[in-house]
């Protein structure tokens, strides 16, 4: 493996998640959903209502991260009793910056 590929593969990766939960969801369902995210190492970005980020192990691929996020959100919604949601995820090597 080339040095450049080795360096790229060793970088930490971050996922930035923005989600909209169905307006019919109760406060209790939302809290349960958010608690599950926190327990799974998602960090809420302060002052933004539904934006979170998570750090992934060195060498984790973008495709693997996206697949993991989809599964986590699906499972979280099911466990919280939330029937409908919309998400956007972005994956990259830099920690999100808010201002």
Protein backbone atom coordinates (compact mmCIF):
# COMPACT_ATOMS: atom_id res chain seq x y z
CA UNK A 1 0.00 0.00 0.00
CA UNK A 2 1.35 3.46 -0.85
CA UNK A 3 2.17 5.96 1.89
CA UNK A 4 -0.65 8.26 0.78
CA UNK A 5 -3.23 5.45 0.97
CA UNK A 6 -1.89 4.50 4.40
CA UNK A 7 -2.26 8.08 5.66
CA UNK A 8 -5.77 8.39 4.21
CA UNK A 9 -6.85 5.06 5.71
CA UNK A 10 -5.61 6.08 9.18
CA UNK A 11 -7.60 9.34 9.38
CA UNK A 12 -10.54 9.48 11.71
CA UNK A 13 -13.84 10.00 10.01
CA UNK A 14 -16.85 11.97 11.18
CA UNK A 15 -20.50 11.72 10.27
CA UNK A 16 -22.68 14.82 10.43
CA UNK A 17 -26.37 13.98 10.78
CA UNK A 18 -29.35 16.26 10.36
CA UNK A 19 -32.75 14.76 10.96
CA UNK A 20 -36.40 15.70 10.99
CA UNK A 21 -38.70 13.55 13.07
CA UNK A 22 -42.39 13.29 12.24
CA UNK A 23 -44.32 16.16 13.83
CA UNK A 24 -46.77 13.59 15.24
CA UNK A 25 -44.04 12.13 17.48
CA UNK A 26 -44.55 12.81 21.17
CA UNK A 27 -42.00 14.55 23.38
CA UNK A 28 -41.38 11.21 25.09
CA UNK A 29 -40.64 9.52 21.75
CA UNK A 30 -38.25 12.32 20.78
CA UNK A 31 -36.43 12.13 24.13
CA UNK A 32 -36.08 8.37 23.79
CA UNK A 33 -34.71 8.84 20.26
CA UNK A 34 -32.20 11.49 21.39
CA UNK A 35 -31.14 9.44 24.42
CA UNK A 36 -30.39 6.49 22.17
CA UNK A 37 -28.23 8.71 19.95
CA UNK A 38 -26.30 9.96 22.98
CA UNK A 39 -25.74 6.41 24.24
CA UNK A 40 -24.31 5.50 20.83
CA UNK A 41 -21.68 8.26 20.89
CA UNK A 42 -23.55 10.86 18.88
CA UNK A 43 -22.90 14.44 19.99
CA UNK A 44 -25.59 17.08 19.59
CA UNK A 45 -24.35 20.30 18.05
CA UNK A 46 -25.43 23.05 20.39
CA UNK A 47 -27.90 25.66 19.22
CA UNK A 48 -28.97 23.49 16.27
CA UNK A 49 -32.16 21.63 17.00
CA UNK A 50 -31.57 18.29 15.30
CA UNK A 51 -27.97 18.17 14.14
CA UNK A 52 -25.56 15.57 15.54
CA UNK A 53 -22.10 14.24 14.78
CA UNK A 54 -20.18 11.07 15.58
CA UNK A 55 -16.54 10.06 15.27
CA UNK A 56 -15.65 6.72 13.70
CA UNK A 57 -12.55 4.56 14.06
CA UNK A 58 -9.52 5.10 11.89
CA UNK A 59 -9.83 3.32 8.57
CA UNK A 60 -13.63 3.11 8.56
CA UNK A 61 -14.86 3.67 5.01
CA UNK A 62 -17.45 6.23 4.01
CA UNK A 63 -19.74 3.49 2.70
CA UNK A 64 -19.48 1.57 5.99
CA UNK A 65 -20.24 4.71 8.01
CA UNK A 66 -23.30 5.56 5.90
CA UNK A 67 -24.56 1.98 6.21
CA UNK A 68 -24.03 2.05 9.99
CA UNK A 69 -25.82 5.40 10.36
CA UNK A 70 -28.81 4.17 8.34
CA UNK A 71 -29.12 1.06 10.52
CA UNK A 72 -28.72 3.02 13.77
CA UNK A 73 -31.34 5.58 12.81
CA UNK A 74 -33.78 2.90 11.63
CA UNK A 75 -33.34 0.92 14.87
CA UNK A 76 -33.56 4.07 16.99
CA UNK A 77 -36.80 5.12 15.31
CA UNK A 78 -38.33 1.67 15.75
CA UNK A 79 -37.35 1.49 19.44
CA UNK A 80 -38.70 5.01 20.01
CA UNK A 81 -41.99 4.32 18.23
CA UNK A 82 -41.28 6.95 15.58
CA UNK A 83 -42.86 6.00 12.28
CA UNK A 84 -41.53 8.71 9.98
CA UNK A 85 -38.30 10.69 9.73
CA UNK A 86 -35.99 12.27 7.16
CA UNK A 87 -32.20 12.34 7.46
CA UNK A 88 -29.16 13.74 5.75
CA UNK A 89 -25.69 12.44 6.55
CA UNK A 90 -22.32 13.78 5.43
CA UNK A 91 -19.09 11.89 6.02
CA UNK A 92 -15.62 13.44 6.06
CA UNK A 93 -12.26 13.53 7.85
CA UNK A 94 -12.87 16.80 9.70
CA UNK A 95 -14.85 17.34 12.88
CA UNK A 96 -17.85 19.60 12.19
CA UNK A 97 -17.41 23.23 13.17
CA UNK A 98 -20.35 25.27 14.40
CA UNK A 99 -20.52 29.01 14.91
